[in-house]
Amino acid sequence: QKPELPKMPEVPKPELPKIPEVQKPEAPKLPEIPKPELPKVPEIPKPELPKIPEIPKPELPKIPEIAKPEVPKMPEIPKPELPKMPELPKLPEFPKAPGTP
């Protein structure tokens, strides 16, 4: 348990004197000046370019396709299987010399 602190007597806060609100002087309204309208520039019609007649491309004569002569397929030659070598017995490991990794 916390020991209870003795209660401090309440000190009444001194009231601050109220400052009277200062009214802001209103800025005099400026009369609206009408913007002078700019004279409209008449649209100049763009001169149409004369259309160039399309020149039809001369069709190239079709070259008849030359059939490629088929290359005769070579018969597959089966690879001769190599005879399996008999597995050699593993050599006995030599004891490592001292000082070698």
Protein backbone atom coordinates (compact mmCIF):
# COMPACT_ATOMS: atom_id res chain seq x y z
CA GLN A 1 0.00 0.00 0.00
CA LYS A 2 1.27 3.44 -0.99
CA PRO A 3 1.36 5.99 1.82
CA GLU A 4 -1.27 8.64 1.12
CA LEU A 5 0.22 12.02 0.38
CA PRO A 6 -1.30 14.86 2.37
CA LYS A 7 -3.78 16.74 0.19
CA MET A 8 -2.59 20.17 -0.85
CA PRO A 9 -5.14 22.90 -0.25
CA GLU A 10 -6.60 24.11 -3.53
CA VAL A 11 -5.24 27.50 -4.52
CA PRO A 12 -7.90 29.51 -6.37
CA LYS A 13 -6.59 30.52 -9.82
CA PRO A 14 -6.49 34.28 -10.30
CA GLU A 15 -8.90 35.22 -13.07
CA LEU A 16 -7.20 36.90 -16.00
CA PRO A 17 -8.83 40.13 -17.04
CA LYS A 18 -10.80 39.60 -20.24
CA ILE A 19 -9.29 41.45 -23.20
CA PRO A 20 -12.05 43.04 -25.25
CA GLU A 21 -12.12 41.65 -28.78
CA VAL A 22 -10.66 44.10 -31.24
CA GLN A 23 -12.84 44.22 -34.31
CA LYS A 24 -10.81 43.91 -37.47
CA PRO A 25 -11.39 46.84 -39.78
CA GLU A 26 -13.05 45.55 -42.93
CA ALA A 27 -11.01 46.08 -46.05
CA PRO A 28 -12.93 48.26 -48.47
CA LYS A 29 -14.32 46.10 -51.26
CA LEU A 30 -12.75 46.91 -54.58
CA PRO A 31 -15.26 47.34 -57.35
CA GLU A 32 -15.06 44.47 -59.80
CA ILE A 33 -13.34 45.56 -62.98
CA PRO A 34 -14.89 43.76 -65.93
CA LYS A 35 -12.23 42.01 -67.98
CA PRO A 36 -12.04 43.39 -71.49
CA GLU A 37 -13.09 40.67 -73.89
CA LEU A 38 -10.48 39.86 -76.45
CA PRO A 39 -11.74 40.20 -79.98
CA LYS A 40 -12.36 36.78 -81.46
CA VAL A 41 -9.92 35.91 -84.22
CA PRO A 42 -11.86 34.58 -87.17
CA GLU A 43 -10.90 31.00 -87.93
CA ILE A 44 -8.90 30.74 -91.11
CA PRO A 45 -10.02 27.65 -92.99
CA LYS A 46 -7.07 25.42 -93.76
CA PRO A 47 -6.57 24.97 -97.47
CA GLU A 48 -7.25 21.36 -98.33
CA LEU A 49 -4.31 19.65 -99.89
CA PRO A 50 -5.14 18.09 -103.21
CA LYS A 51 -5.44 14.35 -102.80
CA ILE A 52 -2.69 12.49 -104.59
CA PRO A 53 -4.25 9.70 -106.61
CA GLU A 54 -3.04 6.32 -105.46
CA ILE A 55 -0.81 4.70 -108.01
CA PRO A 56 -1.63 1.00 -108.13
CA LYS A 57 1.48 -1.06 -107.57
CA PRO A 58 2.25 -3.31 -110.51
CA GLU A 59 1.78 -6.88 -109.43
CA LEU A 60 4.93 -8.90 -109.73
CA PRO A 61 4.48 -12.07 -111.71
CA LYS A 62 4.30 -15.00 -109.36
CA ILE A 63 7.31 -17.26 -109.62
CA PRO A 64 6.19 -20.87 -109.68
CA GLU A 65 7.45 -22.71 -106.64
CA ILE A 66 10.16 -25.19 -107.47
CA ALA A 67 9.49 -28.40 -105.61
CA LYS A 68 12.49 -29.28 -103.49
CA PRO A 69 13.85 -32.71 -104.28
CA GLU A 70 13.45 -34.90 -101.22
CA VAL A 71 16.71 -36.06 -99.76
CA PRO A 72 16.57 -39.83 -99.29
CA LYS A 73 16.63 -40.66 -95.60
CA MET A 74 19.77 -42.44 -94.52
CA PRO A 75 19.08 -45.67 -92.72
CA GLU A 76 20.02 -45.43 -89.07
CA ILE A 77 23.13 -47.41 -88.31
CA PRO A 78 22.79 -49.05 -84.90
CA LYS A 79 25.75 -48.19 -82.71
CA PRO A 80 27.75 -51.25 -81.76
CA GLU A 81 27.61 -51.77 -78.02
CA LEU A 82 31.01 -51.69 -76.40
CA PRO A 83 31.73 -54.71 -74.28
CA LYS A 84 31.51 -53.83 -70.61
CA MET A 85 34.87 -53.71 -68.91
CA PRO A 86 35.05 -55.89 -65.86
CA GLU A 87 35.24 -53.81 -62.72
CA LEU A 88 38.70 -53.75 -61.24
CA PRO A 89 38.91 -54.51 -57.56
CA LYS A 90 39.65 -51.42 -55.51
CA LEU A 91 43.26 -51.06 -54.50
CA PRO A 92 43.88 -51.13 -50.79
CA GLU A 93 44.32 -47.66 -49.36
CA PHE A 94 47.79 -46.89 -48.17
CA PRO A 95 48.06 -45.37 -44.70
CA LYS A 96 48.59 -41.64 -44.98
CA ALA A 97 52.00 -40.31 -44.13
CA PRO A 98 52.01 -38.15 -41.00
CA GLY A 99 51.85 -34.44 -41.72
CA THR A 100 49.86 -34.78 -44.98
CA PRO A 101 46.37 -33.35 -45.14
